[in-house]
Amino acid sequence: GKGLIKDIKSDLLFSRNILNYKLNVNKNHKFTFMGAFEFEKSNQESFSVSTSGYVDETTGINDISKALVSDTPESFRESSTRASVLSRINYTLKNRYLFTTSFRADGTSKFRNDKWGYFPSAAFAWKMNNEKFMKKLRDISEAKFRLSAGITGNDRIPIGVAYNQATSTDYASGGALIKGISSTYIANNDLTWETTTQFDAGLDLGFLKNRISATFDVYYKKTNDLLFNAEVRTSSGQATQWINIGEIENKGVEFSLNSTNIQVGKFRWETNLNFTMNQNKILSLGNVNQTPISAGGSHLRDVAVLKVGQAIGTGYGYVFDGIYQFEDFSSIVDANNNPVALNDIDQSNLGLYRFTLANGVTSIAGRTVRVGDFKYKDLNGDGIVDLNNDRTIISQSNPKHFGGITNLFAYNNFELSFLLRWSYGNQVLNGSRVNMESGDQNQFNLTKDYWYNRWTPENPSNQYGSILNNGSKDVSSYYVEDASYLRLQNINISYSLPTKFLQKYNISQIKFFAVADNLKVWTKYSGLDPEVNFNNPSITGLDRLVYPRSTTFTFGFNVNF
């Protein structure tokens, strides 16, 4: 038998101390002062030992000395600390003009030398509805103009990556297994805080005693010294190293609208709408113009690129240009160089023949193409498609806009609400199709649509390649799909028992409810779920056969005393 003992311990210590002080000079001048200190320390430890070959299993892992074989014990420990000092001053003038200034200093053990970051911010708000000239506009119940600017910091990197680290590694020498040490991280003494400078302008409006309210914001963010796990020369002993590199900007608008559409007697209809549009762009990548992004795995590896002037989440590959057909080839011969007639070729013997492209037909570097293979656009016009000159931007992970709308209908003690969410303009590189549209992936099923509509000599389709398609693992626009969607996120139905009935039992509320989540998605995306989020933030729009969101039904009740 086998036995495993594993002990995992995780500790978190967090302390926050806040001091507030209010000062009202008179009714026109009001101050609020705040000072705070925070401290956080986390620690994770583990120990494990694996054993096998028990001569007596009656005591199990309570006596591992009975095992004939004991593997090398493994242990692990990592810890980090963080300290923060915060201050803020609020000043209100005549209940119309609001000024805020704040400053915080954060220190972290994750960085080696430059541990501290300093982050100021300031804000101004004007309550226009308190001005005399607004009193005549009685339908406007609230009007506030806002401005803010500030700097924030980011230290979200794995613990220890700024320091040299090594782990035990076995290697062979003289026919024996020798224990040695190998590097896991390359130290970076200069690693420091990633900083984001943000500017925001906003407007809050309320109408008809706030029966209708709206918020509108315009923002601009610029992030410097991005924390990035960049590729390095393999001669260093590692494939990547954490560094500060580059600049990125984000700009956009956010809008929300809340309204009570109808309120008559015991009936009420409310609507809440939010809308967001964001654009990001890479401004700098240090001393390079672009860097490739690999997704790992056995197919569609180098799927994206970080490129100056482009957005994060940019797919990179060939531009699909149809399927090679018989007319693209000047000759077809067998293994003995004998010409082969077209009517002698079928799916079963297609792989036995050699194909020679006709003059003027684009070839693919390092590959002998045949009918049924993918064809790509020759972007530089040299007649040959190759990795260095003919790949380009093929997808954008980020939507042009997204949002949601909630409607609530209430009558007496009944309530019905539903939420619709949407995303528009985002694209997904559907890598799951590589598995389900290729004959060499024999461990996967093929889609029914592909099987019946694939290219064959009898069905020279331009929609799908042949089952022997040599280009099925190329990153190309063939796999790019529009992943816009409208999702019925949830429906909620509830009933509350009458208050008059509950008062006799000293109960304030009893509510029965039924909730249905993720009922329906309207989309043109062919995958299981258009809302993919690949675990690499540089290319979130990559589908590796993502597990779809489940539809759930919940029934219950709440009791409040």
Protein backbone atom coordinates (compact mmCIF):
# COMPACT_ATOMS: atom_id res chain seq x y z
CA GLY A 1 0.00 0.00 0.00
CA LYS A 2 0.90 3.69 -0.23
CA GLY A 3 0.71 6.42 2.38
CA LEU A 4 0.99 10.20 2.22
CA ILE A 5 1.24 12.65 5.11
CA LYS A 6 0.84 16.31 4.23
CA ASP A 7 0.61 19.18 6.68
CA ILE A 8 -0.40 22.63 5.41
CA LYS A 9 -0.44 25.74 7.57
CA SER A 10 -1.51 29.24 6.61
CA ASP A 11 -1.48 32.29 8.89
CA LEU A 12 -2.59 35.87 8.30
CA LEU A 13 -2.10 38.71 10.75
CA PHE A 14 -3.81 41.99 9.93
CA SER A 15 -3.99 45.13 12.05
CA ARG A 16 -5.61 48.47 11.23
CA ASN A 17 -5.62 51.53 13.48
CA ILE A 18 -7.63 54.60 12.46
CA LEU A 19 -7.82 58.06 14.06
CA ASN A 20 -10.54 60.51 12.99
CA TYR A 21 -10.98 64.14 14.02
CA LYS A 22 -13.70 66.59 13.00
CA LEU A 23 -13.40 70.36 13.19
CA ASN A 24 -16.22 72.79 12.36
CA VAL A 25 -14.93 76.37 12.37
CA ASN A 26 -18.44 77.63 11.64
CA LYS A 27 -21.34 76.55 9.45
CA ASN A 28 -19.33 77.44 6.31
CA HIS A 29 -16.06 75.65 7.08
CA LYS A 30 -15.94 71.98 8.02
CA PHE A 31 -12.86 69.77 8.27
CA THR A 32 -12.36 66.05 8.74
CA PHE A 33 -8.90 64.61 9.44
CA MET A 34 -8.02 60.93 9.21
CA GLY A 35 -4.81 59.07 9.94
CA ALA A 36 -4.31 55.32 9.79
CA PHE A 37 -1.68 52.62 10.07
CA GLU A 38 -2.06 49.11 8.65
CA PHE A 39 0.13 46.05 9.06
CA GLU A 40 -0.25 42.69 7.38
CA LYS A 41 1.85 39.54 7.61
CA SER A 42 1.09 36.29 5.83
CA ASN A 43 2.80 32.93 6.20
CA GLN A 44 2.29 29.64 4.36
CA GLU A 45 4.01 26.39 5.28
CA SER A 46 3.70 22.80 4.16
CA PHE A 47 5.41 19.48 4.84
CA SER A 48 4.80 16.14 3.14
CA VAL A 49 6.28 12.67 3.02
CA SER A 50 5.20 9.80 0.76
CA THR A 51 5.72 6.14 1.66
CA SER A 52 4.93 2.78 0.07
CA GLY A 53 5.46 -0.95 0.50
CA TYR A 54 3.74 -1.37 3.87
CA VAL A 55 4.28 -4.82 5.37
CA ASP A 56 1.48 -4.12 7.85
CA GLU A 57 -1.36 -1.76 6.91
CA THR A 58 -3.37 -2.07 10.13
CA THR A 59 -1.98 1.20 11.56
CA GLY A 60 -2.08 3.08 8.26
CA ILE A 61 -0.12 6.33 8.16
CA ASN A 62 -0.04 6.46 11.96
CA ASP A 63 3.16 4.41 11.80
CA ILE A 64 5.06 5.11 8.58
CA SER A 65 8.10 3.22 9.89
CA LYS A 66 6.41 0.06 8.59
CA ALA A 67 6.90 1.25 4.98
CA LEU A 68 9.73 -0.32 3.01
CA VAL A 69 10.10 2.72 0.74
CA SER A 70 10.09 6.33 1.90
CA ASP A 71 10.43 9.14 -0.64
CA THR A 72 12.44 12.26 0.11
CA PRO A 73 10.37 14.53 2.40
CA GLU A 74 9.33 17.86 0.93
CA SER A 75 8.82 21.13 2.80
CA PHE A 76 7.87 24.64 1.78
CA ARG A 77 7.58 28.03 3.45
CA GLU A 78 6.96 31.55 2.21
CA SER A 79 6.00 34.72 4.02
CA SER A 80 5.47 38.37 3.24
CA THR A 81 4.83 41.56 5.20
CA ARG A 82 3.26 44.85 4.26
CA ALA A 83 2.92 48.12 6.16
CA SER A 84 0.91 51.20 5.17
CA VAL A 85 0.58 54.73 6.50
CA LEU A 86 -2.49 56.69 5.35
CA SER A 87 -3.74 60.24 5.81
CA ARG A 88 -6.71 62.17 4.45
CA ILE A 89 -8.14 65.68 4.86
CA ASN A 90 -11.68 66.63 3.83
CA TYR A 91 -12.72 70.28 3.65
CA THR A 92 -16.28 71.43 2.94
CA LEU A 93 -16.92 75.08 2.08
CA LYS A 94 -20.48 76.40 2.42
CA ASN A 95 -21.84 72.88 1.81
CA ARG A 96 -21.19 73.45 -1.88
CA TYR A 97 -17.47 72.97 -2.49
CA LEU A 98 -15.77 69.78 -1.31
CA PHE A 99 -12.01 69.32 -1.30
CA THR A 100 -10.16 66.10 -0.47
CA THR A 101 -6.46 65.38 -0.34
CA SER A 102 -4.87 62.12 0.73
CA PHE A 103 -1.48 60.49 0.91
CA ARG A 104 -0.40 56.94 1.57
CA ALA A 105 2.93 55.16 1.83
CA ASP A 106 3.10 51.38 1.35
CA GLY A 107 6.04 49.13 2.07
CA THR A 108 6.30 45.48 1.06
CA SER A 109 8.82 42.71 1.58
CA LYS A 110 8.17 41.43 -1.95
CA PHE A 111 10.72 43.89 -3.33
CA ARG A 112 14.37 43.65 -2.45
CA ASN A 113 15.71 47.23 -2.34
CA ASP A 114 12.99 49.67 -3.36
CA LYS A 115 10.35 48.47 -0.89
CA TRP A 116 8.35 51.68 -0.40
CA GLY A 117 5.90 53.41 -2.71
CA TYR A 118 4.31 56.83 -2.17
CA PHE A 119 0.86 57.61 -3.56
CA PRO A 120 -0.86 61.02 -3.32
CA SER A 121 -4.33 61.94 -4.56
CA ALA A 122 -6.71 64.92 -4.61
CA ALA A 123 -10.37 65.47 -5.45
CA PHE A 124 -12.86 68.30 -5.84
CA ALA A 125 -16.65 68.23 -5.97
CA TRP A 126 -19.16 71.01 -6.59
CA LYS A 127 -22.71 70.57 -5.31
CA MET A 128 -24.36 72.70 -7.95
CA ASN A 129 -27.86 71.98 -6.64
CA ASN A 130 -27.02 74.06 -3.53
CA GLU A 131 -26.29 77.16 -5.60
CA LYS A 132 -28.91 79.91 -5.73
CA PHE A 133 -29.18 79.83 -9.52
CA MET A 134 -30.23 76.15 -9.34
CA LYS A 135 -33.17 76.75 -6.98
CA LYS A 136 -35.38 77.77 -9.87
CA LEU A 137 -34.80 74.42 -11.58
CA ARG A 138 -37.09 72.47 -9.29
CA ASP A 139 -37.11 69.33 -11.42
CA ILE A 140 -33.37 68.90 -10.74
CA SER A 141 -33.03 67.42 -7.26
CA GLU A 142 -29.27 66.76 -7.39
CA ALA A 143 -26.37 68.04 -9.47
CA LYS A 144 -22.76 67.40 -8.53
CA PHE A 145 -19.63 67.90 -10.62
CA ARG A 146 -16.52 65.90 -9.66
CA LEU A 147 -12.81 66.02 -10.48
CA SER A 148 -10.09 63.73 -9.13
CA ALA A 149 -6.48 62.79 -9.73
CA GLY A 150 -4.23 60.34 -7.97
CA ILE A 151 -1.57 57.65 -8.05
CA THR A 152 -2.05 54.05 -6.94
CA GLY A 153 0.45 51.21 -6.61
CA ASN A 154 0.52 47.51 -7.38
CA ASP A 155 2.77 44.87 -5.81
CA ARG A 156 0.81 41.78 -6.91
CA ILE A 157 3.63 39.40 -7.77
CA PRO A 158 4.45 35.96 -6.36
CA ILE A 159 6.37 36.00 -3.13
CA GLY A 160 10.14 35.67 -3.53
CA VAL A 161 10.49 36.38 -7.27
CA ALA A 162 12.73 39.41 -6.62
CA TYR A 163 15.30 37.18 -4.91
CA ASN A 164 17.57 34.38 -6.10
CA GLN A 165 15.92 31.07 -5.30
CA ALA A 166 16.95 27.49 -5.88
CA THR A 167 15.45 24.05 -5.43
CA SER A 168 16.85 20.54 -5.21
CA THR A 169 17.25 18.76 -8.53
CA ASP A 170 18.48 15.25 -9.30
CA TYR A 171 20.90 14.67 -12.17
CA ALA A 172 22.77 11.67 -13.55
CA SER A 173 26.53 11.33 -13.26
CA GLY A 174 28.63 8.20 -13.74
CA GLY A 175 25.59 5.99 -13.79
CA ALA A 176 24.38 7.30 -10.44
CA LEU A 177 21.64 9.75 -9.45
CA ILE A 178 23.19 12.80 -7.79
CA LYS A 179 21.30 15.44 -5.84
CA GLY A 180 22.01 18.99 -6.89
CA ILE A 181 20.59 22.49 -6.82
CA SER A 182 18.96 24.40 -9.69
CA SER A 183 17.71 27.97 -9.95
CA THR A 184 13.98 28.71 -9.82
CA TYR A 185 14.03 32.53 -9.91
CA ILE A 186 16.56 35.10 -11.11
CA ALA A 187 17.00 37.95 -8.65
CA ASN A 188 16.03 41.47 -9.66
CA ASN A 189 17.34 44.01 -7.17
CA ASP A 190 15.61 46.87 -9.00
CA LEU A 191 12.09 45.41 -8.98
CA THR A 192 9.68 47.99 -7.55
CA TRP A 193 6.09 49.21 -7.44
CA GLU A 194 3.95 49.39 -10.55
CA THR A 195 2.19 52.77 -10.50
CA THR A 196 -0.99 54.05 -12.13
CA THR A 197 -1.82 57.73 -12.49
CA GLN A 198 -5.52 58.39 -13.00
CA PHE A 199 -7.62 61.43 -13.86
CA ASP A 200 -11.40 61.38 -13.60
CA ALA A 201 -14.22 63.85 -14.32
CA GLY A 202 -17.79 63.00 -13.41
CA LEU A 203 -21.30 64.34 -13.14
CA ASP A 204 -24.11 63.14 -10.84
CA LEU A 205 -27.66 64.20 -11.69
CA GLY A 206 -31.01 63.59 -10.04
CA PHE A 207 -34.45 64.52 -11.34
CA LEU A 208 -37.96 64.59 -9.90
CA LYS A 209 -36.83 64.08 -6.29
CA ASN A 210 -34.28 61.51 -7.47
CA ARG A 211 -36.92 59.40 -9.14
CA ILE A 212 -34.46 59.47 -12.03
CA SER A 213 -30.72 59.58 -11.28
CA ALA A 214 -27.70 59.31 -13.54
CA THR A 215 -23.94 59.17 -13.16
CA PHE A 216 -21.45 59.87 -15.93
CA ASP A 217 -17.65 59.50 -15.67
CA VAL A 218 -14.77 60.05 -18.08
CA TYR A 219 -11.37 58.72 -17.02
CA TYR A 220 -7.80 58.37 -18.16
CA LYS A 221 -5.22 56.03 -16.62
CA LYS A 222 -1.54 55.66 -17.34
CA THR A 223 0.37 52.75 -15.82
CA ASN A 224 4.17 52.85 -15.57
CA ASP A 225 6.78 50.25 -14.60
CA LEU A 226 4.47 47.31 -15.24
CA LEU A 227 5.28 44.19 -13.27
CA PHE A 228 5.77 41.62 -16.01
CA ASN A 229 7.20 38.10 -16.14
CA ALA A 230 9.25 38.66 -19.28
CA GLU A 231 11.11 36.11 -21.38
CA VAL A 232 14.91 36.14 -21.01
CA ARG A 233 17.76 34.34 -22.69
CA THR A 234 17.80 30.67 -21.79
CA SER A 235 21.54 30.96 -21.11
CA SER A 236 20.52 32.65 -17.85
CA GLY A 237 19.18 29.31 -16.65
CA GLN A 238 15.56 30.45 -16.68
CA ALA A 239 12.99 31.18 -19.34
CA THR A 240 11.51 34.26 -17.63
CA GLN A 241 12.29 36.95 -15.06
CA TRP A 242 10.06 39.45 -13.28
CA ILE A 243 10.88 43.02 -14.33
CA ASN A 244 9.39 46.53 -14.45
CA ILE A 245 8.78 47.43 -18.06
CA GLY A 246 6.71 49.68 -20.26
CA GLU A 247 3.71 51.98 -20.12
CA ILE A 248 0.02 51.33 -20.75
CA GLU A 249 -2.90 53.73 -21.00
CA ASN A 250 -6.58 53.11 -20.37
CA LYS A 251 -9.31 55.59 -21.16
CA GLY A 252 -13.04 55.34 -21.29
CA VAL A 253 -16.47 56.33 -20.09
CA GLU A 254 -18.87 54.88 -17.53
CA PHE A 255 -22.56 55.63 -17.36
CA SER A 256 -25.32 54.48 -15.03
CA LEU A 257 -29.02 55.31 -14.94
CA ASN A 258 -31.55 54.48 -12.20
CA SER A 259 -35.21 55.26 -12.63
CA THR A 260 -38.57 54.54 -11.11
CA ASN A 261 -40.59 54.24 -14.31
CA ILE A 262 -44.02 53.68 -12.76
CA GLN A 263 -45.23 54.00 -9.20
CA VAL A 264 -48.99 53.78 -8.93
CA GLY A 265 -50.61 52.54 -5.75
CA LYS A 266 -49.03 49.23 -4.81
CA PHE A 267 -47.34 48.76 -8.18
CA ARG A 268 -43.75 49.84 -8.86
CA TRP A 269 -41.42 49.38 -11.86
CA GLU A 270 -37.72 50.27 -11.52
CA THR A 271 -34.89 50.08 -14.05
CA ASN A 272 -31.12 50.16 -13.45
CA LEU A 273 -28.74 50.46 -16.40
CA ASN A 274 -24.93 50.56 -16.50
CA PHE A 275 -22.71 51.02 -19.53
CA THR A 276 -18.90 50.92 -19.82
CA MET A 277 -16.59 51.60 -22.72
CA ASN A 278 -12.84 51.23 -22.23
CA GLN A 279 -9.84 51.34 -24.56
CA ASN A 280 -6.32 50.38 -23.60
CA LYS A 281 -3.10 50.85 -25.53
CA ILE A 282 0.52 49.88 -24.97
CA LEU A 283 2.69 53.01 -25.05
CA SER A 284 6.07 51.43 -24.38
CA LEU A 285 7.72 48.04 -23.87
CA GLY A 286 11.14 49.29 -22.88
CA ASN A 287 13.73 48.74 -25.59
CA VAL A 288 11.56 46.46 -27.77
CA ASN A 289 8.57 47.14 -30.00
CA GLN A 290 6.76 43.86 -29.37
CA THR A 291 7.04 40.65 -27.40
CA PRO A 292 5.30 37.32 -28.13
CA ILE A 293 2.87 35.71 -25.70
CA SER A 294 2.79 31.93 -25.41
CA ALA A 295 -0.19 30.01 -24.07
CA GLY A 296 1.71 26.77 -23.54
CA GLY A 297 0.16 23.41 -24.31
CA SER A 298 0.48 21.26 -27.41
CA HIS A 299 -1.42 23.45 -29.89
CA LEU A 300 -1.89 27.15 -30.66
CA ARG A 301 1.14 28.09 -28.58
CA ASP A 302 2.32 31.56 -29.67
CA VAL A 303 -1.16 33.01 -29.76
CA ALA A 304 -0.70 36.69 -28.99
CA VAL A 305 1.64 39.64 -28.94
CA LEU A 306 2.24 42.69 -26.80
CA LYS A 307 2.90 45.43 -29.33
CA VAL A 308 3.44 49.15 -28.95
CA GLY A 309 0.39 51.02 -30.23
CA GLN A 310 -1.92 48.01 -29.81
CA ALA A 311 -4.20 46.89 -27.01
CA ILE A 312 -3.45 44.20 -24.45
CA GLY A 313 -5.27 41.02 -25.43
CA THR A 314 -4.26 41.10 -29.08
CA GLY A 315 -4.27 37.80 -30.98
CA TYR A 316 -1.42 37.36 -33.46
CA GLY A 317 -1.19 34.99 -36.41
CA TYR A 318 -1.83 34.33 -40.09
CA VAL A 319 -4.79 35.71 -42.04
CA PHE A 320 -6.93 32.82 -43.30
CA ASP A 321 -7.45 32.95 -47.08
CA GLY A 322 -9.45 29.84 -47.87
CA ILE A 323 -8.54 26.24 -48.71
CA TYR A 324 -6.05 24.96 -51.29
CA GLN A 325 -8.05 23.48 -54.20
CA PHE A 326 -6.99 21.25 -57.11
CA GLU A 327 -6.66 24.24 -59.46
CA ASP A 328 -3.90 25.65 -57.19
CA PHE A 329 -1.54 22.84 -58.23
CA SER A 330 0.25 22.28 -61.52
CA SER A 331 0.92 18.57 -60.98
CA ILE A 332 0.03 15.65 -58.74
CA VAL A 333 2.26 12.54 -58.76
CA ASP A 334 2.54 9.31 -56.85
CA ALA A 335 5.62 7.93 -55.09
CA ASN A 336 7.05 6.84 -58.46
CA ASN A 337 6.55 10.29 -60.02
CA ASN A 338 3.68 9.02 -62.16
CA PRO A 339 0.96 11.58 -62.86
CA VAL A 340 -2.30 10.99 -60.97
CA ALA A 341 -5.69 11.72 -62.47
CA LEU A 342 -8.06 13.78 -60.34
CA ASN A 343 -10.81 11.15 -60.49
CA ASP A 344 -8.40 8.62 -58.95
CA ILE A 345 -7.97 10.72 -55.78
CA ASP A 346 -10.22 10.20 -52.78
CA GLN A 347 -9.98 10.74 -49.04
CA SER A 348 -8.37 7.36 -48.40
CA ASN A 349 -5.31 7.90 -50.67
CA LEU A 350 -4.94 11.69 -50.50
CA GLY A 351 -1.89 11.50 -48.27
CA LEU A 352 0.01 9.23 -50.69
CA TYR A 353 0.58 11.83 -53.43
CA ARG A 354 2.93 14.79 -53.92
CA PHE A 355 1.49 18.13 -54.97
CA THR A 356 3.34 20.89 -56.85
CA LEU A 357 1.92 24.40 -56.60
CA ALA A 358 1.18 26.31 -59.81
CA ASN A 359 3.05 29.50 -60.60
CA GLY A 360 1.74 32.50 -58.71
CA VAL A 361 0.09 30.47 -55.96
CA THR A 362 1.30 31.35 -52.45
CA SER A 363 3.38 28.70 -50.70
CA ILE A 364 4.06 28.20 -46.98
CA ALA A 365 7.64 28.20 -45.71
CA GLY A 366 8.91 24.81 -44.49
CA ARG A 367 5.78 22.94 -45.58
CA THR A 368 4.67 20.92 -48.57
CA VAL A 369 1.04 21.83 -48.96
CA ARG A 370 -1.67 19.77 -50.60
CA VAL A 371 -5.34 20.13 -51.43
CA GLY A 372 -7.51 20.59 -48.36
CA ASP A 373 -4.83 22.53 -46.42
CA PHE A 374 -5.35 26.03 -45.06
CA LYS A 375 -4.21 28.90 -47.26
CA TYR A 376 -2.99 32.20 -45.79
CA LYS A 377 -2.53 35.72 -47.12
CA ASP A 378 0.97 36.70 -48.23
CA LEU A 379 1.19 40.06 -46.46
CA ASN A 380 4.62 41.17 -47.72
CA GLY A 381 4.03 39.99 -51.28
CA ASP A 382 7.07 37.74 -51.68
CA GLY A 383 4.96 34.69 -52.62
CA ILE A 384 5.86 32.77 -49.44
CA VAL A 385 3.97 32.81 -46.13
CA ASP A 386 6.39 32.70 -43.19
CA LEU A 387 6.39 33.38 -39.44
CA ASN A 388 8.51 36.52 -39.55
CA ASN A 389 6.79 38.48 -42.31
CA ASP A 390 3.21 37.33 -42.67
CA ARG A 391 1.66 37.31 -39.22
CA THR A 392 -0.42 40.24 -38.01
CA ILE A 393 -3.10 41.29 -35.53
CA ILE A 394 -6.05 38.90 -35.90
CA SER A 395 -8.20 39.37 -32.77
CA GLN A 396 -9.06 41.75 -29.93
CA SER A 397 -10.00 40.27 -26.54
CA ASN A 398 -11.47 43.52 -25.24
CA PRO A 399 -15.10 44.45 -25.96
CA LYS A 400 -16.01 47.79 -27.49
CA HIS A 401 -18.54 48.18 -24.70
CA PHE A 402 -20.32 46.10 -22.07
CA GLY A 403 -22.98 46.57 -19.44
CA GLY A 404 -26.16 45.34 -17.86
CA ILE A 405 -29.79 46.28 -17.27
CA THR A 406 -32.01 45.23 -14.35
CA ASN A 407 -35.79 45.58 -14.22
CA LEU A 408 -37.75 45.21 -10.99
CA PHE A 409 -41.54 44.84 -10.85
CA ALA A 410 -43.21 44.98 -7.44
CA TYR A 411 -46.87 44.63 -6.51
CA ASN A 412 -48.00 44.49 -2.93
CA ASN A 413 -45.68 41.84 -1.38
CA PHE A 414 -44.61 40.26 -4.66
CA GLU A 415 -41.40 41.14 -6.52
CA LEU A 416 -40.07 40.03 -9.91
CA SER A 417 -36.66 41.11 -11.22
CA PHE A 418 -34.37 40.06 -14.04
CA LEU A 419 -30.87 41.03 -15.12
CA LEU A 420 -29.55 41.12 -18.69
CA ARG A 421 -25.80 41.50 -19.31
CA TRP A 422 -24.09 42.13 -22.62
CA SER A 423 -20.66 42.40 -24.18
CA TYR A 424 -20.15 43.72 -27.70
CA GLY A 425 -17.18 43.68 -30.07
CA ASN A 426 -14.84 41.26 -28.27
CA GLN A 427 -13.30 38.38 -30.20
CA VAL A 428 -12.18 34.94 -29.07
CA LEU A 429 -9.48 32.74 -30.55
CA ASN A 430 -11.40 29.47 -30.38
CA GLY A 431 -8.61 26.98 -29.75
CA SER A 432 -11.08 24.20 -28.93
CA ARG A 433 -11.78 23.89 -32.66
CA VAL A 434 -8.20 22.68 -33.19
CA ASN A 435 -9.12 19.53 -31.29
CA MET A 436 -12.51 19.03 -32.89
CA GLU A 437 -11.61 19.79 -36.53
CA SER A 438 -8.43 17.80 -37.01
CA GLY A 439 -7.89 14.14 -37.76
CA ASP A 440 -4.51 13.99 -36.00
CA GLN A 441 -6.15 14.79 -32.64
CA ASN A 442 -7.52 11.28 -32.40
CA GLN A 443 -8.15 11.52 -28.66
CA PHE A 444 -10.92 14.10 -29.27
CA ASN A 445 -14.31 13.84 -30.91
CA LEU A 446 -14.98 15.75 -34.13
CA THR A 447 -17.94 18.07 -34.48
CA LYS A 448 -20.82 16.82 -36.60
CA ASP A 449 -20.77 19.97 -38.73
CA TYR A 450 -17.06 19.57 -39.47
CA TRP A 451 -17.34 15.88 -40.32
CA TYR A 452 -20.13 16.32 -42.85
CA ASN A 453 -18.84 19.56 -44.38
CA ARG A 454 -15.06 19.09 -44.31
CA TRP A 455 -12.99 19.31 -47.49
CA THR A 456 -12.85 16.08 -49.49
CA PRO A 457 -12.13 15.46 -53.19
CA GLU A 458 -15.85 14.89 -53.58
CA ASN A 459 -16.73 18.01 -51.54
CA PRO A 460 -14.10 20.71 -52.30
CA SER A 461 -15.37 22.99 -49.53
CA ASN A 462 -13.88 26.37 -48.70
CA GLN A 463 -15.36 26.27 -45.20
CA TYR A 464 -13.36 23.52 -43.50
CA GLY A 465 -9.99 21.94 -44.22
CA SER A 466 -9.49 18.26 -44.91
CA ILE A 467 -9.05 15.74 -42.15
CA LEU A 468 -5.33 15.66 -43.11
CA ASN A 469 -5.04 19.46 -43.00
CA ASN A 470 -1.40 20.40 -42.29
CA GLY A 471 -2.37 23.87 -41.09
CA SER A 472 -4.82 22.89 -38.37
CA LYS A 473 -2.39 23.87 -35.58
CA ASP A 474 -1.41 27.23 -37.04
CA VAL A 475 -2.58 30.32 -35.17
CA SER A 476 -4.72 32.08 -37.76
CA SER A 477 -7.84 34.18 -38.17
CA TYR A 478 -9.66 30.97 -39.13
CA TYR A 479 -10.19 30.32 -35.41
CA VAL A 480 -11.21 33.90 -34.54
CA GLU A 481 -14.90 34.40 -33.77
CA ASP A 482 -17.12 37.23 -32.69
CA ALA A 483 -17.88 36.55 -29.01
CA SER A 484 -20.47 39.29 -28.47
CA TYR A 485 -23.34 38.08 -26.34
CA LEU A 486 -26.51 38.96 -24.47
CA ARG A 487 -26.99 36.87 -21.34
CA LEU A 488 -30.12 36.49 -19.23
CA GLN A 489 -28.11 36.43 -16.02
CA ASN A 490 -30.88 35.81 -13.52
CA ILE A 491 -34.58 35.95 -12.71
CA ASN A 492 -35.67 36.47 -9.11
CA ILE A 493 -39.21 35.98 -7.82
CA SER A 494 -40.07 36.62 -4.16
CA TYR A 495 -43.01 37.00 -1.81
CA SER A 496 -42.94 38.58 1.66
CA LEU A 497 -45.55 37.68 4.26
CA PRO A 498 -47.65 40.65 5.45
CA THR A 499 -45.99 42.69 8.20
CA LYS A 500 -49.20 42.93 10.22
CA PHE A 501 -49.33 39.14 10.48
CA LEU A 502 -45.65 38.87 11.53
CA GLN A 503 -45.77 41.52 14.27
CA LYS A 504 -47.70 39.17 16.53
CA TYR A 505 -44.64 36.87 16.55
CA ASN A 506 -41.97 39.62 16.82
CA ILE A 507 -40.75 38.82 13.31
CA SER A 508 -39.86 41.73 11.02
CA GLN A 509 -39.82 39.81 7.72
CA ILE A 510 -40.29 36.38 6.16
CA LYS A 511 -39.50 36.26 2.45
CA PHE A 512 -39.82 33.25 0.15
CA PHE A 513 -37.80 33.36 -3.06
CA ALA A 514 -36.91 31.45 -6.21
CA VAL A 515 -33.86 32.38 -8.30
CA ALA A 516 -32.77 31.09 -11.70
CA ASP A 517 -29.21 31.94 -12.84
CA ASN A 518 -27.72 31.86 -16.35
CA LEU A 519 -30.88 30.86 -18.14
CA LYS A 520 -30.07 31.88 -21.73
CA VAL A 521 -27.25 33.29 -23.87
CA TRP A 522 -27.76 34.82 -27.30
CA THR A 523 -24.51 34.72 -29.29
CA LYS A 524 -23.01 33.74 -32.64
CA TYR A 525 -20.00 32.16 -30.91
CA SER A 526 -19.70 28.44 -31.71
CA GLY A 527 -17.96 27.45 -28.47
CA LEU A 528 -19.56 26.31 -25.23
CA ASP A 529 -19.52 29.79 -23.65
CA PRO A 530 -18.57 33.15 -25.21
CA GLU A 531 -17.57 34.57 -21.83
CA VAL A 532 -14.09 33.02 -21.72
CA ASN A 533 -11.33 34.37 -19.52
CA PHE A 534 -8.04 32.60 -20.21
CA ASN A 535 -5.64 32.60 -17.26
CA ASN A 536 -3.09 34.77 -19.06
CA PRO A 537 -4.07 38.48 -18.76
CA SER A 538 -2.17 39.21 -21.98
CA ILE A 539 -4.68 37.16 -24.01
CA THR A 540 -7.91 36.65 -22.07
CA GLY A 541 -9.81 35.93 -25.29
CA LEU A 542 -8.47 32.40 -25.79
CA ASP A 543 -10.77 29.39 -25.51
CA ARG A 544 -9.08 26.11 -24.58
CA LEU A 545 -12.40 24.25 -24.29
CA VAL A 546 -13.50 26.34 -21.33
CA TYR A 547 -16.04 24.75 -18.99
CA PRO A 548 -19.37 26.55 -19.53
CA ARG A 549 -21.23 28.39 -16.80
CA SER A 550 -23.92 26.23 -15.28
CA THR A 551 -27.62 27.04 -15.03
CA THR A 552 -28.76 26.94 -11.41
CA PHE A 553 -32.11 27.13 -9.64
CA THR A 554 -32.32 28.19 -6.01
CA PHE A 555 -35.32 28.12 -3.69
CA GLY A 556 -35.39 29.35 -0.12
CA PHE A 557 -36.66 31.78 2.47
CA ASN A 558 -35.24 34.47 4.76
CA VAL A 559 -36.41 35.23 8.29
CA ASN A 560 -35.49 38.51 10.02
CA PHE A 561 -36.28 39.23 13.66
